[in-house]
């Protein structure tokens, strides 16, 4: 990977992550050099298949893809990017020759966001990439807002299947572990009945805030149901997930009812942890996580009954 140029703060603030897919080695190096000097972080590959592998592995904001490449051409690459929910914010620019301008223009309706005619001027290249970075970041901010649960600040339930689908595909593809913690804030229904829904909502909001503070970069927390949260842990085996689950149980148990005029009730939480199996898809992993959470909840209830009996 080429480094970034730190000549000035103005340059660095405009810097973005750019992937170049171009089979002409000389032209590929020319594009790379121009973008690195402009302050961008650049990765170069020689065909569409290699570009797709890079996109599966790390985030980019702009893709520059040559129309004519072996293995997978730029048009197919851009079309595949836009068909992927995870990559829809990536700004795709097709590199084309003058005799294919009409084809490139038509591709704007089916994957590409813009096109550049080869050989392009440095000014045109930098302008397209800067536009792409701004658009990509704007879309990313809008997506983040739209996918947030308004009460808890975590992802909302509608995004759970999509996030799991992408993470499971990556884990299977690269033979990496993937675990999930399903955690439940206990007795929310009773809190709502005894103290009102406002108090219950404040408890859930506090739980979401604490969960988000515990989640690291690359991990995802989603409110999967009214009182349950799913924490998705890429590259994490089951032992690591159990550590996270225990931490979350402890952190959420520190929540007290947010009003002094009610009984001194403290919140409790139960976590179930599972690791992706070789044959698991989204539904299988979710089913096992819910069952593990249910089993753990029953274990805790039995332990409480034994303590009361003594």
Protein backbone atom coordinates (compact mmCIF):
# COMPACT_ATOMS: atom_id res chain seq x y z
CA UNK A 1 0.00 0.00 0.00
CA UNK A 2 1.28 3.44 -0.82
CA UNK A 3 1.67 5.95 1.98
CA UNK A 4 0.00 9.30 2.35
CA UNK A 5 1.60 12.71 1.80
CA UNK A 6 1.40 14.91 4.92
CA UNK A 7 2.53 18.16 3.34
CA UNK A 8 -0.31 20.17 4.85
CA UNK A 9 -3.42 19.76 6.97
CA UNK A 10 -5.53 20.90 4.00
CA UNK A 11 -4.32 17.98 1.95
CA UNK A 12 -4.67 15.39 4.71
CA UNK A 13 -8.25 16.35 5.57
CA UNK A 14 -9.26 15.64 1.98
CA UNK A 15 -7.43 12.32 1.89
CA UNK A 16 -9.51 9.21 1.37
CA UNK A 17 -9.18 5.49 0.73
CA UNK A 18 -9.02 4.71 -2.99
CA UNK A 19 -8.89 1.34 -4.76
CA UNK A 20 -7.51 1.30 -8.32
CA UNK A 21 -8.29 -1.68 -10.58
CA UNK A 22 -6.31 -1.27 -13.82
CA UNK A 23 -4.52 -3.96 -15.84
CA UNK A 24 -2.12 -1.52 -17.57
CA UNK A 25 0.83 -1.40 -15.17
CA UNK A 26 2.21 1.93 -16.36
CA UNK A 27 -1.15 3.71 -16.21
CA UNK A 28 -1.93 2.10 -12.85
CA UNK A 29 1.31 3.48 -11.36
CA UNK A 30 0.61 6.90 -12.87
CA UNK A 31 -2.82 7.06 -11.21
CA UNK A 32 -1.39 5.85 -7.93
CA UNK A 33 1.42 8.42 -7.86
CA UNK A 34 -0.96 11.30 -8.59
CA UNK A 35 -3.39 10.26 -5.87
CA UNK A 36 -0.71 9.62 -3.24
CA UNK A 37 0.76 13.07 -3.84
CA UNK A 38 -2.76 14.48 -3.36
CA UNK A 39 -2.89 12.87 0.09
CA UNK A 40 -4.92 9.72 -0.54
CA UNK A 41 -4.37 6.20 0.72
CA UNK A 42 -4.20 3.98 -2.37
CA UNK A 43 -4.35 0.24 -3.04
CA UNK A 44 -3.75 -1.06 -6.59
CA UNK A 45 -4.80 -4.33 -8.25
CA UNK A 46 -4.68 -5.54 -11.83
CA UNK A 47 -8.18 -7.00 -12.38
CA UNK A 48 -11.74 -6.99 -11.09
CA UNK A 49 -11.49 -10.25 -9.18
CA UNK A 50 -8.55 -8.95 -7.14
CA UNK A 51 -10.46 -5.72 -6.55
CA UNK A 52 -13.46 -7.65 -5.23
CA UNK A 53 -11.21 -9.52 -2.79
CA UNK A 54 -9.84 -6.21 -1.51
CA UNK A 55 -13.36 -4.84 -1.08
CA UNK A 56 -14.28 -7.92 0.94
CA UNK A 57 -11.35 -7.30 3.28
CA UNK A 58 -11.09 -3.56 3.93
CA UNK A 59 -13.09 -0.35 3.52
CA UNK A 60 -12.67 2.08 0.61
CA UNK A 61 -14.44 5.28 -0.34
CA UNK A 62 -13.68 5.43 -4.08
CA UNK A 63 -13.15 2.72 -6.68
CA UNK A 64 -11.40 3.53 -9.98
CA UNK A 65 -12.05 0.58 -12.30
CA UNK A 66 -10.86 0.15 -15.88
CA UNK A 67 -13.67 -0.93 -18.16
CA UNK A 68 -11.62 -3.60 -19.95
CA UNK A 69 -9.82 -5.97 -17.57
CA UNK A 70 -9.25 -9.72 -17.44
CA UNK A 71 -11.15 -12.03 -15.04
CA UNK A 72 -13.80 -9.41 -14.22
CA UNK A 73 -14.20 -6.14 -16.12
CA UNK A 74 -14.89 -2.77 -14.54
CA UNK A 75 -18.55 -2.70 -15.52
CA UNK A 76 -19.26 -6.06 -13.83
CA UNK A 77 -17.26 -5.00 -10.79
CA UNK A 78 -19.26 -1.78 -10.38
CA UNK A 79 -22.53 -3.63 -10.92
CA UNK A 80 -21.59 -6.17 -8.24
CA UNK A 81 -20.61 -3.41 -5.82
CA UNK A 82 -23.98 -1.68 -6.13
CA UNK A 83 -25.82 -5.00 -5.72
CA UNK A 84 -24.09 -5.50 -2.36
CA UNK A 85 -25.84 -3.82 0.56
CA UNK A 86 -22.57 -3.49 2.44
CA UNK A 87 -20.78 -1.66 -0.40
CA UNK A 88 -23.53 0.60 -1.69
CA UNK A 89 -21.81 3.73 -0.35
CA UNK A 90 -18.64 3.07 -2.37
CA UNK A 91 -18.27 5.67 -5.16
CA UNK A 92 -17.48 3.86 -8.43
CA UNK A 93 -15.68 5.57 -11.33
CA UNK A 94 -15.21 3.70 -14.61
CA UNK A 95 -12.05 4.35 -16.62
CA UNK A 96 -12.79 4.11 -20.31
CA UNK A 97 -11.45 5.03 -23.76
CA UNK A 98 -13.05 7.60 -26.00
CA UNK A 99 -14.62 4.98 -28.26
CA UNK A 100 -16.57 3.60 -25.28
CA UNK A 101 -17.89 6.88 -23.85
CA UNK A 102 -21.47 6.00 -24.82
CA UNK A 103 -21.16 2.63 -23.05
CA UNK A 104 -19.74 4.27 -19.95
CA UNK A 105 -22.54 6.83 -19.88
CA UNK A 106 -25.10 4.03 -20.08
CA UNK A 107 -23.36 2.28 -17.18
CA UNK A 108 -24.29 5.22 -14.93
CA UNK A 109 -27.77 3.68 -14.71
CA UNK A 110 -26.45 0.26 -13.70
CA UNK A 111 -23.61 0.53 -11.20
CA UNK A 112 -21.12 3.29 -12.00
CA UNK A 113 -21.40 6.71 -10.35
CA UNK A 114 -19.14 8.51 -12.83
CA UNK A 115 -16.58 7.84 -15.57
CA UNK A 116 -13.23 9.20 -16.70
CA UNK A 117 -11.86 9.08 -20.24
CA UNK A 118 -8.32 7.69 -20.50
CA UNK A 119 -5.81 9.22 -20.45
CA UNK A 120 -7.30 11.69 -17.99
CA UNK A 121 -5.71 14.90 -16.78
CA UNK A 122 -4.46 15.17 -13.22
CA UNK A 123 -7.05 17.88 -12.52
CA UNK A 124 -9.93 15.65 -13.70
CA UNK A 125 -8.66 12.68 -11.71
CA UNK A 126 -8.27 14.61 -8.45
CA UNK A 127 -11.64 16.34 -8.89
CA UNK A 128 -13.49 13.04 -9.49
CA UNK A 129 -11.86 11.37 -6.51
CA UNK A 130 -12.56 14.28 -4.15
CA UNK A 131 -16.18 14.36 -5.28
CA UNK A 132 -16.41 10.62 -4.72
CA UNK A 133 -15.00 10.87 -1.21
CA UNK A 134 -17.45 13.60 -0.23
CA UNK A 135 -20.42 11.65 -1.65
CA UNK A 136 -19.29 8.39 -0.04
CA UNK A 137 -18.89 10.00 3.38
CA UNK A 138 -22.24 11.76 3.13
CA UNK A 139 -23.97 8.49 2.24
CA UNK A 140 -22.16 6.79 5.10
CA UNK A 141 -23.40 9.37 7.61
CA UNK A 142 -26.96 9.13 6.30
CA UNK A 143 -26.87 5.33 6.41
CA UNK A 144 -25.54 5.36 9.94
CA UNK A 145 -28.37 7.60 11.10
CA UNK A 146 -31.03 5.56 9.28
CA UNK A 147 -29.75 2.28 10.75
CA UNK A 148 -29.68 3.52 14.35
CA UNK A 149 -32.27 2.55 16.90
CA UNK A 150 -33.52 5.93 18.10
CA UNK A 151 -33.89 4.85 21.74
CA UNK A 152 -30.68 2.93 22.41
CA UNK A 153 -28.19 4.27 19.83
CA UNK A 154 -27.35 0.77 18.62
CA UNK A 155 -28.22 -0.56 15.18
CA UNK A 156 -31.91 -1.28 14.69
CA UNK A 157 -33.35 -4.75 14.25
CA UNK A 158 -33.86 -4.35 10.49
CA UNK A 159 -30.10 -4.28 9.92
CA UNK A 160 -29.31 -7.49 11.84
CA UNK A 161 -29.79 -9.98 9.00
CA UNK A 162 -27.77 -7.88 6.54
CA UNK A 163 -24.84 -7.41 8.93
CA UNK A 164 -24.81 -11.09 9.85
CA UNK A 165 -25.02 -12.15 6.20
CA UNK A 166 -21.92 -10.13 5.29
CA UNK A 167 -19.94 -11.19 8.37
CA UNK A 168 -20.84 -14.87 7.94
CA UNK A 169 -19.83 -14.78 4.27
CA UNK A 170 -16.47 -13.23 5.18
CA UNK A 171 -15.87 -15.71 8.00
CA UNK A 172 -16.61 -18.70 5.75
CA UNK A 173 -14.57 -17.28 2.87
CA UNK A 174 -11.42 -16.67 4.89
CA UNK A 175 -11.90 -19.42 7.47
CA UNK A 176 -12.09 -16.94 10.35
CA UNK A 177 -13.96 -17.34 13.63
CA UNK A 178 -17.14 -15.33 14.18
CA UNK A 179 -19.05 -15.16 17.43
CA UNK A 180 -22.15 -13.42 18.69
CA UNK A 181 -23.40 -12.41 22.11
CA UNK A 182 -27.16 -12.20 22.54
CA UNK A 183 -27.88 -10.22 25.70
CA UNK A 184 -31.21 -9.53 27.34
CA UNK A 185 -32.09 -6.78 29.81
CA UNK A 186 -34.15 -8.73 32.33
CA UNK A 187 -37.62 -7.85 33.63
CA UNK A 188 -38.29 -4.87 31.36
CA UNK A 189 -41.98 -5.82 31.26
CA UNK A 190 -42.17 -5.71 35.07
CA UNK A 191 -40.33 -2.38 35.15
CA UNK A 192 -42.81 -0.99 32.65
CA UNK A 193 -45.76 -2.31 34.65
CA UNK A 194 -44.52 -1.16 38.05
CA UNK A 195 -42.78 2.11 37.21
CA UNK A 196 -44.02 3.15 33.78
CA UNK A 197 -42.74 2.90 30.22
CA UNK A 198 -40.70 6.07 30.59
CA UNK A 199 -38.56 4.40 33.24
CA UNK A 200 -38.31 1.23 31.11
CA UNK A 201 -37.18 3.28 28.12
CA UNK A 202 -34.54 5.05 30.20
CA UNK A 203 -33.20 1.68 31.34
CA UNK A 204 -32.99 0.45 27.73
CA UNK A 205 -31.34 3.70 26.64
CA UNK A 206 -28.77 3.28 29.41
CA UNK A 207 -28.17 -0.32 28.36
CA UNK A 208 -27.60 0.73 24.76
CA UNK A 209 -25.15 3.44 25.82
CA UNK A 210 -23.13 0.98 27.92
CA UNK A 211 -23.11 -1.68 25.20
CA UNK A 212 -21.92 0.80 22.58
CA UNK A 213 -19.14 1.93 24.91
CA UNK A 214 -17.97 -1.70 25.24
CA UNK A 215 -18.05 -2.51 21.51
CA UNK A 216 -14.71 -2.16 19.72
CA UNK A 217 -13.95 -1.06 16.15
CA UNK A 218 -15.13 -3.70 13.69
CA UNK A 219 -17.76 -5.07 16.09
CA UNK A 220 -21.47 -4.32 15.78
CA UNK A 221 -24.21 -3.92 18.40
CA UNK A 222 -27.83 -4.15 17.27
CA UNK A 223 -31.08 -4.00 19.23
CA UNK A 224 -32.58 -7.23 17.96
CA UNK A 225 -35.83 -7.08 19.93
CA UNK A 226 -37.51 -4.97 22.59
CA UNK A 227 -35.23 -6.02 25.46
CA UNK A 228 -32.49 -7.91 23.58
CA UNK A 229 -29.29 -6.85 21.88
CA UNK A 230 -26.99 -8.77 19.52
CA UNK A 231 -23.27 -8.02 19.60
CA UNK A 232 -21.46 -9.40 16.53
CA UNK A 233 -17.77 -10.18 17.05
CA UNK A 234 -15.73 -10.84 13.88
CA UNK A 235 -12.47 -12.80 14.20
CA UNK A 236 -13.44 -13.78 17.76
CA UNK A 237 -13.68 -17.38 19.02
CA UNK A 238 -16.22 -18.48 21.62
CA UNK A 239 -13.90 -17.93 24.60
CA UNK A 240 -13.52 -14.28 23.63
CA UNK A 241 -17.28 -13.96 23.20
CA UNK A 242 -17.84 -15.32 26.70
CA UNK A 243 -15.52 -12.68 28.11
CA UNK A 244 -17.55 -9.99 26.30
CA UNK A 245 -20.81 -11.55 27.49
CA UNK A 246 -19.65 -11.58 31.12
CA UNK A 247 -18.46 -7.97 30.83
CA UNK A 248 -21.82 -6.89 29.42
CA UNK A 249 -23.74 -8.67 32.17
CA UNK A 250 -21.60 -6.88 34.76
CA UNK A 251 -21.86 -3.48 33.07
CA UNK A 252 -25.63 -3.63 32.65
CA UNK A 253 -26.11 -4.79 36.24
CA UNK A 254 -24.71 -1.42 37.32
CA UNK A 255 -27.78 0.35 35.95
CA UNK A 256 -30.15 1.51 38.68
CA UNK A 257 -33.67 2.68 38.06
CA UNK A 258 -33.22 6.30 36.94
CA UNK A 259 -35.55 7.87 39.53
CA UNK A 260 -35.03 8.28 43.26
CA UNK A 261 -38.74 8.02 44.08
CA UNK A 262 -38.97 4.35 43.15
CA UNK A 263 -37.72 1.27 44.96
CA UNK A 264 -33.92 0.72 44.79
CA UNK A 265 -34.22 -1.88 42.06
CA UNK A 266 -31.09 -2.68 40.06
CA UNK A 267 -31.18 -4.01 36.54
CA UNK A 268 -29.82 -7.44 35.63
CA UNK A 269 -28.89 -8.91 32.27
CA UNK A 270 -28.32 -12.36 30.78
CA UNK A 271 -25.94 -13.13 27.90
CA UNK A 272 -25.85 -16.15 25.60
CA UNK A 273 -22.73 -16.67 23.48
CA UNK A 274 -22.32 -18.73 20.30
CA UNK A 275 -19.66 -19.24 17.63
CA UNK A 276 -20.40 -19.67 13.94
CA UNK A 277 -20.45 -23.31 12.82
CA UNK A 278 -19.30 -24.56 9.44
CA UNK A 279 -22.86 -25.10 8.21
CA UNK A 280 -24.41 -22.03 9.82
CA UNK A 281 -26.20 -19.31 7.93
CA UNK A 282 -27.99 -16.28 9.38
CA UNK A 283 -31.09 -18.13 10.60
CA UNK A 284 -29.09 -20.99 12.13
CA UNK A 285 -26.73 -18.70 14.04
CA UNK A 286 -29.60 -16.55 15.32
CA UNK A 287 -31.59 -19.61 16.39
CA UNK A 288 -28.63 -21.00 18.34
CA UNK A 289 -27.97 -17.63 19.99
CA UNK A 290 -31.59 -17.32 21.10
CA UNK A 291 -31.58 -20.86 22.44
CA UNK A 292 -28.32 -20.25 24.32
CA UNK A 293 -29.78 -17.09 25.83
CA UNK A 294 -32.89 -19.01 26.90
CA UNK A 295 -30.80 -21.80 28.46
CA UNK A 296 -28.64 -19.28 30.34
CA UNK A 297 -31.74 -17.50 31.61
CA UNK A 298 -33.13 -20.79 32.97
CA UNK A 299 -29.80 -21.55 34.63
CA UNK A 300 -29.84 -18.20 36.39
CA UNK A 301 -33.42 -18.72 37.56
CA UNK A 302 -32.58 -22.14 38.98
CA UNK A 303 -29.53 -20.71 40.76
CA UNK A 304 -31.68 -17.97 42.32
CA UNK A 305 -34.22 -20.54 43.52
CA UNK A 306 -31.45 -22.62 45.14
CA UNK A 307 -30.13 -19.54 46.94
CA UNK A 308 -33.62 -18.69 48.21
CA UNK A 309 -34.09 -22.27 49.43
CA UNK A 310 -30.97 -21.97 51.56
